[in-house]
Amino acid sequence: MGIFRKKETYNEQMLREAGLDRVVFNTPPPEPAPIDAGPLPFATGDISLGHGAGKRRWGPTDWDATTTAVAPGVEGDHVEFTTLPTGDLIVGSGDGDGDLSPLADAIEERVSPPYKAVASRQDGDLWGIGAKLIEVVQLEFLEADALELSQSDGVAELRVDGEPSDATPPVELQRLGERAGGDRCVEASRIDGDYWEVKVSPL
C-alpha cells in the first residue's frame, strides 16, 4: 500500500499564513453532486473492502456519502483508499495510480476523516466516489493483520489472523470492549503501520 499527504492548495496556504486556517464559517454545505448510478461499483453491487477479520462486502446502502469529482492524471478505472485522522491517504487495492487528492477533497465536503473510500471512473476524468466512516486507533502489535478480541460469559478470547492466541490483547482493544459492555467482539484490521480500523459488535 502507498501513503501520501494531500497537497496544500493556494487558498489553504493563504488562509494558513493569515492565521485563518482554523476559522469555521457557518455556511451551508453544498448540495450533493448528482451521480450516474449505473457504472459505480457501490451502486450496482456489493464490493469487498478490508482484509482478514475486518473484510466485509459493502452494498449500495452502506455508504455515508457519495459524490463525483474531476481527477485528471489518475490512471486506471478503480481505486480504494483510506484517509487517516491525520489526513494521510493510504492507497489500497485497485488499478488507479496518481494524485488522489481531488477525490479525497471532494468526498471530504460531505464526511471528515477517518473513512474508507472507493472511486470508479465514470467518463474521462470524472470519477464517482463512495465513502464509509470508520474508527481508527493506533496499536503496537507486530506481525499480524487482523485481531479479534471477544468477551462472552466473562471469558475473553484473542484471535490473531483468525487463530487463537495466548498473546496479551492490546490495551486499546480491551478499553473499547469495556466501553461497549456486555458480550461483545472487538475486531481490528491493520490499515498501515500502527494504524488499525476497529469495530465493536455485540455477541
N, C-alpha and C. Protein backbone atom coordinates (compact mmCIF):
# COMPACT_ATOMS: atom_id res chain seq x y z
N MET A 1 0.84 -1.20 0.00
CA MET A 1 0.00 0.00 0.00
C MET A 1 0.87 1.24 0.00
N GLY A 2 0.38 2.31 -0.63
CA GLY A 2 1.10 3.55 -0.65
C GLY A 2 0.49 4.56 0.30
N ILE A 3 1.28 5.54 0.71
CA ILE A 3 0.79 6.59 1.61
C ILE A 3 1.28 7.93 1.09
N PHE A 4 0.40 8.90 1.06
CA PHE A 4 0.83 10.24 0.68
C PHE A 4 -0.04 11.26 1.38
N ARG A 5 0.49 12.48 1.46
CA ARG A 5 -0.25 13.57 2.09
C ARG A 5 -0.80 14.47 1.00
N LYS A 6 -2.03 14.92 1.22
CA LYS A 6 -2.66 15.78 0.24
C LYS A 6 -1.90 17.10 0.12
N LYS A 7 -1.81 17.59 -1.11
CA LYS A 7 -1.13 18.85 -1.34
C LYS A 7 -1.96 20.01 -0.80
N GLU A 8 -1.26 21.01 -0.27
CA GLU A 8 -1.94 22.21 0.21
C GLU A 8 -2.28 23.10 -0.97
N THR A 9 -3.54 23.49 -1.07
CA THR A 9 -3.95 24.37 -2.16
C THR A 9 -3.46 25.79 -1.88
N TYR A 10 -3.50 26.63 -2.92
CA TYR A 10 -3.08 28.02 -2.76
C TYR A 10 -3.97 28.74 -1.75
N ASN A 11 -5.30 28.49 -1.81
CA ASN A 11 -6.22 29.13 -0.86
C ASN A 11 -5.92 28.68 0.56
N GLU A 12 -5.63 27.38 0.74
CA GLU A 12 -5.30 26.89 2.08
C GLU A 12 -4.02 27.54 2.59
N GLN A 13 -3.03 27.72 1.71
CA GLN A 13 -1.79 28.36 2.10
C GLN A 13 -2.03 29.79 2.54
N MET A 14 -2.84 30.54 1.78
CA MET A 14 -3.12 31.93 2.13
C MET A 14 -3.86 32.03 3.46
N LEU A 15 -4.82 31.10 3.69
CA LEU A 15 -5.55 31.11 4.96
C LEU A 15 -4.62 30.80 6.12
N ARG A 16 -3.72 29.81 5.91
CA ARG A 16 -2.81 29.43 6.99
C ARG A 16 -1.88 30.58 7.33
N GLU A 17 -1.33 31.25 6.31
CA GLU A 17 -0.41 32.36 6.56
C GLU A 17 -1.11 33.54 7.21
N ALA A 18 -2.42 33.67 6.97
CA ALA A 18 -3.19 34.75 7.60
C ALA A 18 -3.75 34.37 8.96
N GLY A 19 -3.47 33.13 9.38
CA GLY A 19 -3.97 32.68 10.66
C GLY A 19 -5.44 32.36 10.67
N LEU A 20 -6.01 32.11 9.49
CA LEU A 20 -7.45 31.86 9.39
C LEU A 20 -7.77 30.41 9.06
N ASP A 21 -6.75 29.53 9.09
CA ASP A 21 -6.98 28.15 8.67
C ASP A 21 -7.84 27.38 9.64
N ARG A 22 -7.98 27.89 10.87
CA ARG A 22 -8.79 27.20 11.86
C ARG A 22 -10.15 27.87 12.09
N VAL A 23 -10.44 28.90 11.30
CA VAL A 23 -11.72 29.58 11.44
C VAL A 23 -12.81 28.75 10.78
N VAL A 24 -13.91 28.57 11.48
CA VAL A 24 -15.04 27.82 10.94
C VAL A 24 -16.11 28.79 10.49
N PHE A 25 -16.50 28.70 9.23
CA PHE A 25 -17.52 29.57 8.68
C PHE A 25 -18.84 28.82 8.68
N ASN A 26 -19.87 29.45 9.19
CA ASN A 26 -21.18 28.80 9.28
C ASN A 26 -21.94 28.94 7.97
N THR A 27 -21.43 28.29 6.95
CA THR A 27 -22.09 28.30 5.66
C THR A 27 -22.66 26.92 5.40
N PRO A 28 -23.81 26.85 4.74
CA PRO A 28 -24.42 25.55 4.50
C PRO A 28 -23.57 24.73 3.55
N PRO A 29 -23.54 23.39 3.72
CA PRO A 29 -22.77 22.55 2.82
C PRO A 29 -23.37 22.57 1.43
N PRO A 30 -22.53 22.33 0.41
CA PRO A 30 -23.05 22.34 -0.95
C PRO A 30 -23.98 21.16 -1.18
N GLU A 31 -24.89 21.33 -2.13
CA GLU A 31 -25.77 20.23 -2.47
C GLU A 31 -24.96 19.11 -3.09
N PRO A 32 -25.26 17.84 -2.75
CA PRO A 32 -24.51 16.73 -3.33
C PRO A 32 -24.61 16.73 -4.84
N ALA A 33 -23.48 16.43 -5.46
CA ALA A 33 -23.47 16.37 -6.92
C ALA A 33 -24.22 15.14 -7.38
N PRO A 34 -24.95 15.24 -8.49
CA PRO A 34 -25.68 14.08 -8.99
C PRO A 34 -24.72 12.99 -9.43
N ILE A 35 -25.13 11.74 -9.26
CA ILE A 35 -24.29 10.61 -9.62
C ILE A 35 -25.02 9.74 -10.62
N ASP A 36 -24.32 9.36 -11.66
CA ASP A 36 -24.86 8.38 -12.58
C ASP A 36 -24.66 7.02 -11.94
N ALA A 37 -25.72 6.47 -11.36
CA ALA A 37 -25.59 5.27 -10.54
C ALA A 37 -25.17 4.04 -11.33
N GLY A 38 -25.33 4.08 -12.64
CA GLY A 38 -25.07 2.88 -13.43
C GLY A 38 -23.68 2.30 -13.27
N PRO A 39 -22.61 3.04 -13.64
CA PRO A 39 -21.29 2.43 -13.65
C PRO A 39 -20.65 2.29 -12.29
N LEU A 40 -21.17 2.95 -11.24
CA LEU A 40 -20.49 2.95 -9.96
C LEU A 40 -20.52 1.57 -9.31
N PRO A 41 -19.37 1.07 -8.84
CA PRO A 41 -19.36 -0.24 -8.22
C PRO A 41 -20.20 -0.28 -6.95
N PHE A 42 -20.26 0.87 -6.22
CA PHE A 42 -21.01 0.86 -4.98
C PHE A 42 -22.50 1.09 -5.22
N ALA A 43 -22.89 1.31 -6.47
CA ALA A 43 -24.31 1.49 -6.76
C ALA A 43 -24.89 0.29 -7.50
N THR A 44 -24.04 -0.52 -8.10
CA THR A 44 -24.52 -1.63 -8.91
C THR A 44 -24.37 -2.98 -8.23
N GLY A 45 -23.66 -3.04 -7.12
CA GLY A 45 -23.47 -4.33 -6.46
C GLY A 45 -22.53 -4.22 -5.29
N ASP A 46 -22.41 -5.31 -4.53
CA ASP A 46 -21.53 -5.32 -3.38
C ASP A 46 -20.08 -5.40 -3.83
N ILE A 47 -19.19 -4.83 -2.99
CA ILE A 47 -17.77 -4.94 -3.23
C ILE A 47 -17.10 -5.28 -1.91
N SER A 48 -15.90 -5.81 -1.97
CA SER A 48 -15.17 -6.19 -0.77
C SER A 48 -14.18 -5.10 -0.40
N LEU A 49 -14.10 -4.80 0.88
CA LEU A 49 -13.09 -3.89 1.41
C LEU A 49 -12.51 -4.49 2.67
N GLY A 50 -11.24 -4.18 2.94
CA GLY A 50 -10.60 -4.70 4.14
C GLY A 50 -9.97 -6.06 3.88
N HIS A 51 -9.46 -6.67 4.96
CA HIS A 51 -8.84 -7.97 4.83
C HIS A 51 -8.91 -8.67 6.17
N GLY A 52 -8.66 -9.97 6.17
CA GLY A 52 -8.68 -10.72 7.42
C GLY A 52 -10.04 -10.65 8.08
N ALA A 53 -10.02 -10.52 9.42
CA ALA A 53 -11.28 -10.48 10.17
C ALA A 53 -12.09 -9.24 9.85
N GLY A 54 -11.42 -8.18 9.33
CA GLY A 54 -12.13 -6.94 9.04
C GLY A 54 -12.73 -6.87 7.66
N LYS A 55 -12.55 -7.93 6.85
CA LYS A 55 -13.04 -7.89 5.48
C LYS A 55 -14.55 -8.07 5.46
N ARG A 56 -15.22 -7.28 4.65
CA ARG A 56 -16.66 -7.38 4.51
C ARG A 56 -17.06 -6.85 3.14
N ARG A 57 -18.29 -7.13 2.77
CA ARG A 57 -18.80 -6.64 1.49
C ARG A 57 -19.74 -5.47 1.74
N TRP A 58 -19.55 -4.41 0.95
CA TRP A 58 -20.38 -3.22 1.09
C TRP A 58 -21.36 -3.15 -0.07
N GLY A 59 -22.61 -2.89 0.26
CA GLY A 59 -23.64 -2.74 -0.75
C GLY A 59 -23.98 -1.27 -0.94
N PRO A 60 -24.94 -0.97 -1.81
CA PRO A 60 -25.27 0.42 -2.14
C PRO A 60 -25.73 1.25 -0.96
N THR A 61 -26.34 0.64 0.06
CA THR A 61 -26.88 1.42 1.18
C THR A 61 -25.88 1.62 2.30
N ASP A 62 -24.66 1.11 2.16
CA ASP A 62 -23.68 1.18 3.25
C ASP A 62 -22.90 2.48 3.29
N TRP A 63 -22.94 3.27 2.23
CA TRP A 63 -22.10 4.45 2.17
C TRP A 63 -22.65 5.58 3.02
N ASP A 64 -21.74 6.31 3.68
CA ASP A 64 -22.12 7.51 4.43
C ASP A 64 -22.18 8.73 3.53
N ALA A 65 -21.49 8.68 2.40
CA ALA A 65 -21.52 9.80 1.46
C ALA A 65 -21.07 9.32 0.09
N THR A 66 -21.64 9.92 -0.95
CA THR A 66 -21.21 9.69 -2.32
C THR A 66 -21.15 11.02 -3.04
N THR A 67 -20.28 11.11 -4.01
CA THR A 67 -20.17 12.34 -4.80
C THR A 67 -19.39 12.04 -6.08
N THR A 68 -19.16 13.05 -6.86
CA THR A 68 -18.33 12.93 -8.05
C THR A 68 -17.23 13.97 -7.99
N ALA A 69 -16.16 13.73 -8.75
CA ALA A 69 -15.04 14.67 -8.78
C ALA A 69 -14.29 14.50 -10.08
N VAL A 70 -13.68 15.59 -10.53
CA VAL A 70 -12.80 15.56 -11.69
C VAL A 70 -11.38 15.38 -11.18
N ALA A 71 -10.72 14.30 -11.61
CA ALA A 71 -9.37 13.98 -11.14
C ALA A 71 -8.48 13.66 -12.34
N PRO A 72 -7.93 14.66 -12.99
CA PRO A 72 -7.05 14.41 -14.13
C PRO A 72 -5.74 13.77 -13.68
N GLY A 73 -5.20 12.92 -14.51
CA GLY A 73 -3.89 12.33 -14.21
C GLY A 73 -3.95 11.04 -13.41
N VAL A 74 -5.13 10.61 -12.99
CA VAL A 74 -5.25 9.35 -12.26
C VAL A 74 -5.45 8.23 -13.28
N GLU A 75 -4.59 7.24 -13.25
CA GLU A 75 -4.66 6.14 -14.20
C GLU A 75 -5.62 5.07 -13.68
N GLY A 76 -5.98 4.14 -14.57
CA GLY A 76 -6.85 3.05 -14.18
C GLY A 76 -8.30 3.49 -14.10
N ASP A 77 -9.14 2.57 -13.65
CA ASP A 77 -10.58 2.83 -13.57
C ASP A 77 -11.15 2.63 -12.18
N HIS A 78 -10.36 2.16 -11.22
CA HIS A 78 -10.89 1.83 -9.90
C HIS A 78 -9.78 1.98 -8.87
N VAL A 79 -10.11 2.57 -7.73
CA VAL A 79 -9.13 2.72 -6.66
C VAL A 79 -9.83 2.73 -5.31
N GLU A 80 -9.20 2.15 -4.31
CA GLU A 80 -9.68 2.18 -2.94
C GLU A 80 -8.62 2.86 -2.07
N PHE A 81 -9.05 3.72 -1.17
CA PHE A 81 -8.10 4.37 -0.28
C PHE A 81 -8.74 4.64 1.07
N THR A 82 -7.89 4.76 2.07
CA THR A 82 -8.32 5.09 3.43
C THR A 82 -7.66 6.38 3.86
N THR A 83 -8.42 7.29 4.43
CA THR A 83 -7.86 8.53 4.94
C THR A 83 -7.83 8.47 6.46
N LEU A 84 -6.63 8.64 7.03
CA LEU A 84 -6.43 8.55 8.46
C LEU A 84 -6.86 9.85 9.16
N PRO A 85 -6.98 9.83 10.49
CA PRO A 85 -7.30 11.08 11.20
C PRO A 85 -6.29 12.19 10.95
N THR A 86 -5.05 11.81 10.60
CA THR A 86 -4.00 12.79 10.33
C THR A 86 -4.18 13.46 8.97
N GLY A 87 -5.07 12.91 8.13
CA GLY A 87 -5.24 13.42 6.79
C GLY A 87 -4.45 12.67 5.75
N ASP A 88 -3.56 11.76 6.17
CA ASP A 88 -2.79 10.95 5.23
C ASP A 88 -3.69 9.96 4.52
N LEU A 89 -3.41 9.74 3.23
CA LEU A 89 -4.17 8.80 2.43
C LEU A 89 -3.37 7.52 2.26
N ILE A 90 -4.00 6.39 2.58
CA ILE A 90 -3.39 5.09 2.39
C ILE A 90 -4.06 4.46 1.18
N VAL A 91 -3.31 4.23 0.13
CA VAL A 91 -3.87 3.67 -1.08
C VAL A 91 -3.88 2.15 -0.97
N GLY A 92 -5.06 1.57 -1.14
CA GLY A 92 -5.20 0.12 -1.04
C GLY A 92 -5.23 -0.51 -2.41
N SER A 93 -6.19 -1.40 -2.63
CA SER A 93 -6.27 -2.13 -3.89
C SER A 93 -6.87 -1.26 -4.97
N GLY A 94 -6.76 -1.75 -6.20
CA GLY A 94 -7.29 -1.02 -7.33
C GLY A 94 -6.20 -0.78 -8.35
N ASP A 95 -6.61 -0.32 -9.52
CA ASP A 95 -5.64 -0.08 -10.58
C ASP A 95 -5.38 1.40 -10.80
N GLY A 96 -5.92 2.26 -9.93
CA GLY A 96 -5.69 3.69 -10.06
C GLY A 96 -4.30 4.08 -9.58
N ASP A 97 -3.69 5.03 -10.25
CA ASP A 97 -2.36 5.50 -9.88
C ASP A 97 -2.26 6.98 -10.21
N GLY A 98 -1.83 7.78 -9.23
CA GLY A 98 -1.72 9.21 -9.45
C GLY A 98 -2.12 9.97 -8.20
N ASP A 99 -2.30 11.27 -8.32
CA ASP A 99 -2.67 12.13 -7.19
C ASP A 99 -4.16 11.99 -6.92
N LEU A 100 -4.50 11.38 -5.77
CA LEU A 100 -5.89 11.14 -5.42
C LEU A 100 -6.49 12.29 -4.62
N SER A 101 -5.74 13.37 -4.43
CA SER A 101 -6.23 14.49 -3.63
C SER A 101 -7.58 15.04 -4.11
N PRO A 102 -7.81 15.19 -5.42
CA PRO A 102 -9.13 15.70 -5.85
C PRO A 102 -10.27 14.80 -5.40
N LEU A 103 -10.05 13.48 -5.38
CA LEU A 103 -11.10 12.56 -4.94
C LEU A 103 -11.36 12.73 -3.45
N ALA A 104 -10.27 12.81 -2.67
CA ALA A 104 -10.42 12.98 -1.23
C ALA A 104 -11.03 14.32 -0.88
N ASP A 105 -10.60 15.38 -1.56
CA ASP A 105 -11.14 16.72 -1.28
C ASP A 105 -12.64 16.76 -1.55
N ALA A 106 -13.07 16.09 -2.62
CA ALA A 106 -14.49 16.11 -2.98
C ALA A 106 -15.33 15.39 -1.93
N ILE A 107 -14.91 14.22 -1.50
CA ILE A 107 -15.71 13.46 -0.55
C ILE A 107 -15.67 14.10 0.83
N GLU A 108 -14.59 14.84 1.13
CA GLU A 108 -14.48 15.48 2.44
C GLU A 108 -15.33 16.74 2.55
N GLU A 109 -16.02 17.11 1.48
CA GLU A 109 -17.05 18.14 1.61
C GLU A 109 -18.29 17.57 2.28
N ARG A 110 -18.34 16.24 2.42
CA ARG A 110 -19.51 15.57 3.00
C ARG A 110 -19.18 14.75 4.23
N VAL A 111 -17.95 14.24 4.35
CA VAL A 111 -17.54 13.49 5.52
C VAL A 111 -16.14 13.93 5.91
N SER A 112 -15.78 13.68 7.17
CA SER A 112 -14.45 14.02 7.66
C SER A 112 -13.69 12.74 7.97
N PRO A 113 -12.36 12.77 7.86
CA PRO A 113 -11.57 11.58 8.20
C PRO A 113 -11.77 11.20 9.66
N PRO A 114 -11.62 9.89 9.95
CA PRO A 114 -11.15 8.82 9.07
C PRO A 114 -12.30 8.15 8.32
N TYR A 115 -12.00 7.67 7.12
CA TYR A 115 -13.01 6.99 6.31
C TYR A 115 -12.31 6.08 5.29
N LYS A 116 -13.07 5.14 4.77
CA LYS A 116 -12.63 4.34 3.62
C LYS A 116 -13.41 4.80 2.41
N ALA A 117 -12.76 4.79 1.27
CA ALA A 117 -13.42 5.27 0.06
C ALA A 117 -13.10 4.37 -1.12
N VAL A 118 -14.05 4.33 -2.03
CA VAL A 118 -13.89 3.64 -3.31
C VAL A 118 -14.23 4.64 -4.40
N ALA A 119 -13.39 4.69 -5.42
CA ALA A 119 -13.64 5.59 -6.55
C ALA A 119 -13.61 4.80 -7.85
N SER A 120 -14.53 5.15 -8.74
CA SER A 120 -14.64 4.48 -10.03
C SER A 120 -14.77 5.51 -11.14
N ARG A 121 -14.00 5.33 -12.20
CA ARG A 121 -14.06 6.27 -13.31
C ARG A 121 -15.43 6.20 -13.98
N GLN A 122 -16.02 7.37 -14.23
CA GLN A 122 -17.32 7.45 -14.87
C GLN A 122 -17.19 7.74 -16.36
N ASP A 123 -16.50 8.84 -16.67
CA ASP A 123 -16.35 9.24 -18.07
C ASP A 123 -15.18 10.20 -18.15
N GLY A 124 -14.14 9.84 -18.83
CA GLY A 124 -12.97 10.70 -18.92
C GLY A 124 -12.34 10.89 -17.55
N ASP A 125 -12.20 12.15 -17.13
CA ASP A 125 -11.60 12.45 -15.82
C ASP A 125 -12.64 12.53 -14.70
N LEU A 126 -13.89 12.21 -14.99
CA LEU A 126 -14.94 12.26 -13.97
C LEU A 126 -14.99 10.93 -13.22
N TRP A 127 -14.91 11.02 -11.89
CA TRP A 127 -14.92 9.84 -11.03
C TRP A 127 -16.10 9.89 -10.07
N GLY A 128 -16.66 8.75 -9.75
CA GLY A 128 -17.64 8.63 -8.68
C GLY A 128 -16.97 8.09 -7.44
N ILE A 129 -17.31 8.63 -6.27
CA ILE A 129 -16.66 8.23 -5.02
C ILE A 129 -17.71 7.90 -3.98
N GLY A 130 -17.49 6.82 -3.24
CA GLY A 130 -18.31 6.47 -2.09
C GLY A 130 -17.43 6.33 -0.87
N ALA A 131 -17.86 6.82 0.29
CA ALA A 131 -17.04 6.79 1.49
C ALA A 131 -17.83 6.23 2.67
N LYS A 132 -17.14 5.51 3.51
CA LYS A 132 -17.71 4.93 4.73
C LYS A 132 -16.88 5.38 5.91
N LEU A 133 -17.51 6.01 6.90
CA LEU A 133 -16.81 6.43 8.10
C LEU A 133 -16.35 5.22 8.89
N ILE A 134 -15.15 5.30 9.47
CA ILE A 134 -14.60 4.20 10.25
C ILE A 134 -13.99 4.77 11.53
N GLU A 135 -13.70 3.86 12.47
CA GLU A 135 -13.00 4.24 13.70
C GLU A 135 -11.58 3.71 13.61
N VAL A 136 -10.62 4.56 13.91
CA VAL A 136 -9.21 4.21 13.78
C VAL A 136 -8.50 4.41 15.11
N VAL A 137 -7.65 3.44 15.48
CA VAL A 137 -6.82 3.56 16.67
C VAL A 137 -5.39 3.20 16.30
N GLN A 138 -4.46 3.57 17.15
CA GLN A 138 -3.07 3.18 16.98
C GLN A 138 -2.75 2.04 17.95
N LEU A 139 -2.26 0.93 17.38
CA LEU A 139 -1.92 -0.25 18.16
C LEU A 139 -0.50 -0.68 17.82
N GLU A 140 0.24 -1.12 18.82
CA GLU A 140 1.55 -1.71 18.58
C GLU A 140 1.40 -3.22 18.70
N PHE A 141 1.27 -3.89 17.56
CA PHE A 141 1.12 -5.35 17.54
C PHE A 141 1.77 -5.83 16.26
N LEU A 142 2.96 -6.45 16.38
CA LEU A 142 3.74 -6.82 15.22
C LEU A 142 3.23 -8.11 14.58
N GLU A 143 3.55 -8.25 13.31
CA GLU A 143 3.34 -9.49 12.55
C GLU A 143 1.90 -9.99 12.63
N ALA A 144 0.97 -9.12 12.40
CA ALA A 144 -0.44 -9.51 12.33
C ALA A 144 -1.19 -8.48 11.50
N ASP A 145 -2.21 -8.93 10.81
CA ASP A 145 -3.03 -8.02 10.02
C ASP A 145 -4.45 -7.90 10.58
N ALA A 146 -4.87 -8.87 11.41
CA ALA A 146 -6.24 -8.86 11.94
C ALA A 146 -6.25 -9.39 13.36
N LEU A 147 -6.96 -8.68 14.23
CA LEU A 147 -7.12 -9.09 15.63
C LEU A 147 -8.61 -9.15 15.95
N GLU A 148 -8.96 -10.08 16.82
CA GLU A 148 -10.35 -10.22 17.24
C GLU A 148 -10.36 -10.56 18.73
N LEU A 149 -10.90 -9.64 19.53
CA LEU A 149 -10.98 -9.84 20.97
C LEU A 149 -12.45 -9.96 21.36
N SER A 150 -12.85 -11.15 21.79
CA SER A 150 -14.25 -11.38 22.15
C SER A 150 -14.37 -11.61 23.65
N GLN A 151 -15.53 -11.24 24.17
CA GLN A 151 -15.84 -11.43 25.58
C GLN A 151 -17.24 -12.02 25.65
N SER A 152 -17.34 -13.25 26.16
CA SER A 152 -18.63 -13.93 26.23
C SER A 152 -18.73 -14.68 27.56
N ASP A 153 -19.78 -14.39 28.33
CA ASP A 153 -19.98 -15.03 29.64
C ASP A 153 -18.76 -14.88 30.54
N GLY A 154 -18.14 -13.71 30.46
CA GLY A 154 -17.00 -13.42 31.32
C GLY A 154 -15.68 -14.00 30.85
N VAL A 155 -15.68 -14.69 29.71
CA VAL A 155 -14.46 -15.32 29.19
C VAL A 155 -13.98 -14.53 27.98
N ALA A 156 -12.72 -14.11 28.02
CA ALA A 156 -12.13 -13.35 26.93
C ALA A 156 -11.29 -14.27 26.04
N GLU A 157 -11.33 -14.04 24.75
CA GLU A 157 -10.53 -14.81 23.80
C GLU A 157 -9.96 -13.88 22.75
N LEU A 158 -8.67 -14.04 22.47
CA LEU A 158 -8.00 -13.26 21.44
C LEU A 158 -7.65 -14.17 20.27
N ARG A 159 -7.99 -13.72 19.08
CA ARG A 159 -7.62 -14.43 17.86
C ARG A 159 -6.75 -13.49 17.03
N VAL A 160 -5.65 -14.03 16.52
CA VAL A 160 -4.71 -13.27 15.71
C VAL A 160 -4.69 -13.87 14.31
N ASP A 161 -5.06 -13.07 13.33
CA ASP A 161 -5.18 -13.55 11.95
C ASP A 161 -6.03 -14.82 11.88
N GLY A 162 -7.10 -14.85 12.67
CA GLY A 162 -8.05 -15.95 12.64
C GLY A 162 -7.72 -17.13 13.53
N GLU A 163 -6.55 -17.12 14.18
CA GLU A 163 -6.14 -18.24 15.02
C GLU A 163 -6.13 -17.84 16.49
N PRO A 164 -6.55 -18.75 17.41
CA PRO A 164 -6.50 -18.45 18.84
C PRO A 164 -5.07 -18.11 19.27
N SER A 165 -4.95 -17.16 20.20
CA SER A 165 -3.63 -16.71 20.63
C SER A 165 -3.61 -16.49 22.13
N ASP A 166 -2.44 -16.77 22.74
CA ASP A 166 -2.23 -16.52 24.16
C ASP A 166 -1.57 -15.16 24.40
N ALA A 167 -1.39 -14.38 23.35
CA ALA A 167 -0.76 -13.08 23.50
C ALA A 167 -1.65 -12.14 24.32
N THR A 168 -1.03 -11.16 24.93
CA THR A 168 -1.78 -10.17 25.70
C THR A 168 -2.48 -9.22 24.75
N PRO A 169 -3.79 -9.08 24.86
CA PRO A 169 -4.52 -8.18 23.95
C PRO A 169 -4.06 -6.74 24.14
N PRO A 170 -3.99 -5.96 23.09
CA PRO A 170 -3.65 -4.55 23.23
C PRO A 170 -4.63 -3.84 24.17
N VAL A 171 -4.10 -2.95 24.97
CA VAL A 171 -4.92 -2.24 25.95
C VAL A 171 -6.05 -1.49 25.27
N GLU A 172 -5.78 -0.94 24.09
CA GLU A 172 -6.79 -0.15 23.39
C GLU A 172 -8.01 -1.00 23.05
N LEU A 173 -7.79 -2.25 22.64
CA LEU A 173 -8.91 -3.13 22.32
C LEU A 173 -9.70 -3.48 23.58
N GLN A 174 -9.00 -3.70 24.69
CA GLN A 174 -9.68 -4.00 25.95
C GLN A 174 -10.56 -2.82 26.36
N ARG A 175 -10.06 -1.61 26.20
CA ARG A 175 -10.83 -0.44 26.59
C ARG A 175 -12.07 -0.27 25.72
N LEU A 176 -11.91 -0.54 24.41
CA LEU A 176 -13.06 -0.45 23.53
C LEU A 176 -14.14 -1.45 23.94
N GLY A 177 -13.71 -2.66 24.30
CA GLY A 177 -14.67 -3.67 24.74
C GLY A 177 -15.35 -3.29 26.03
N GLU A 178 -14.58 -2.76 26.98
CA GLU A 178 -15.16 -2.36 28.26
C GLU A 178 -16.15 -1.22 28.07
N ARG A 179 -15.86 -0.34 27.13
CA ARG A 179 -16.76 0.78 26.87
C ARG A 179 -18.10 0.29 26.34
N ALA A 180 -18.05 -0.78 25.52
CA ALA A 180 -19.28 -1.33 24.95
C ALA A 180 -20.07 -2.10 26.00
N GLY A 181 -19.37 -2.83 26.88
CA GLY A 181 -20.04 -3.61 27.91
C GLY A 181 -20.73 -4.84 27.33
N GLY A 182 -21.11 -5.78 28.23
CA GLY A 182 -21.82 -6.98 27.81
C GLY A 182 -20.94 -7.89 26.97
N ASP A 183 -21.56 -8.91 26.38
CA ASP A 183 -20.84 -9.80 25.48
C ASP A 183 -20.60 -9.06 24.18
N ARG A 184 -19.35 -9.04 23.73
CA ARG A 184 -19.03 -8.25 22.55
C ARG A 184 -17.81 -8.84 21.85
N CYS A 185 -17.58 -8.33 20.65
CA CYS A 185 -16.41 -8.69 19.87
C CYS A 185 -15.80 -7.42 19.31
N VAL A 186 -14.51 -7.24 19.54
CA VAL A 186 -13.78 -6.09 19.02
C VAL A 186 -12.86 -6.58 17.90
N GLU A 187 -13.11 -6.12 16.69
CA GLU A 187 -12.30 -6.51 15.54
C GLU A 187 -11.39 -5.37 15.14
N ALA A 188 -10.16 -5.70 14.79
CA ALA A 188 -9.20 -4.70 14.33
C ALA A 188 -8.49 -5.22 13.10
N SER A 189 -8.41 -4.40 12.06
CA SER A 189 -7.68 -4.76 10.85
C SER A 189 -6.67 -3.66 10.55
N ARG A 190 -5.44 -4.08 10.27
CA ARG A 190 -4.36 -3.12 10.06
C ARG A 190 -4.60 -2.33 8.78
N ILE A 191 -4.46 -1.01 8.88
CA ILE A 191 -4.53 -0.15 7.71
C ILE A 191 -3.13 0.07 7.15
N ASP A 192 -2.25 0.56 8.01
CA ASP A 192 -0.86 0.78 7.64
C ASP A 192 -0.08 1.11 8.91
N GLY A 193 1.07 0.47 9.07
CA GLY A 193 1.88 0.74 10.25
C GLY A 193 1.12 0.43 11.53
N ASP A 194 1.08 1.39 12.45
CA ASP A 194 0.38 1.20 13.73
C ASP A 194 -1.09 1.63 13.66
N TYR A 195 -1.59 2.00 12.50
CA TYR A 195 -2.99 2.43 12.38
C TYR A 195 -3.87 1.24 12.03
N TRP A 196 -4.93 1.07 12.83
CA TRP A 196 -5.86 -0.05 12.66
C TRP A 196 -7.29 0.47 12.61
N GLU A 197 -8.08 -0.16 11.76
CA GLU A 197 -9.52 0.09 11.77
C GLU A 197 -10.14 -0.84 12.78
N VAL A 198 -11.04 -0.32 13.63
CA VAL A 198 -11.66 -1.14 14.68
C VAL A 198 -13.16 -1.07 14.58
N LYS A 199 -13.79 -2.16 15.00
CA LYS A 199 -15.24 -2.24 15.00
C LYS A 199 -15.67 -3.06 16.19
N VAL A 200 -16.65 -2.59 16.94
CA VAL A 200 -17.17 -3.29 18.12
C VAL A 200 -18.58 -3.75 17.83
N SER A 201 -18.83 -5.04 18.01
CA SER A 201 -20.15 -5.61 17.73
C SER A 201 -20.61 -6.44 18.93
N PRO A 202 -21.91 -6.38 19.27
CA PRO A 202 -22.43 -7.24 20.35
C PRO A 202 -22.48 -8.69 19.89
N LEU A 203 -22.36 -9.60 20.84
CA LEU A 203 -22.46 -11.04 20.54
C LEU A 203 -23.85 -11.55 20.90
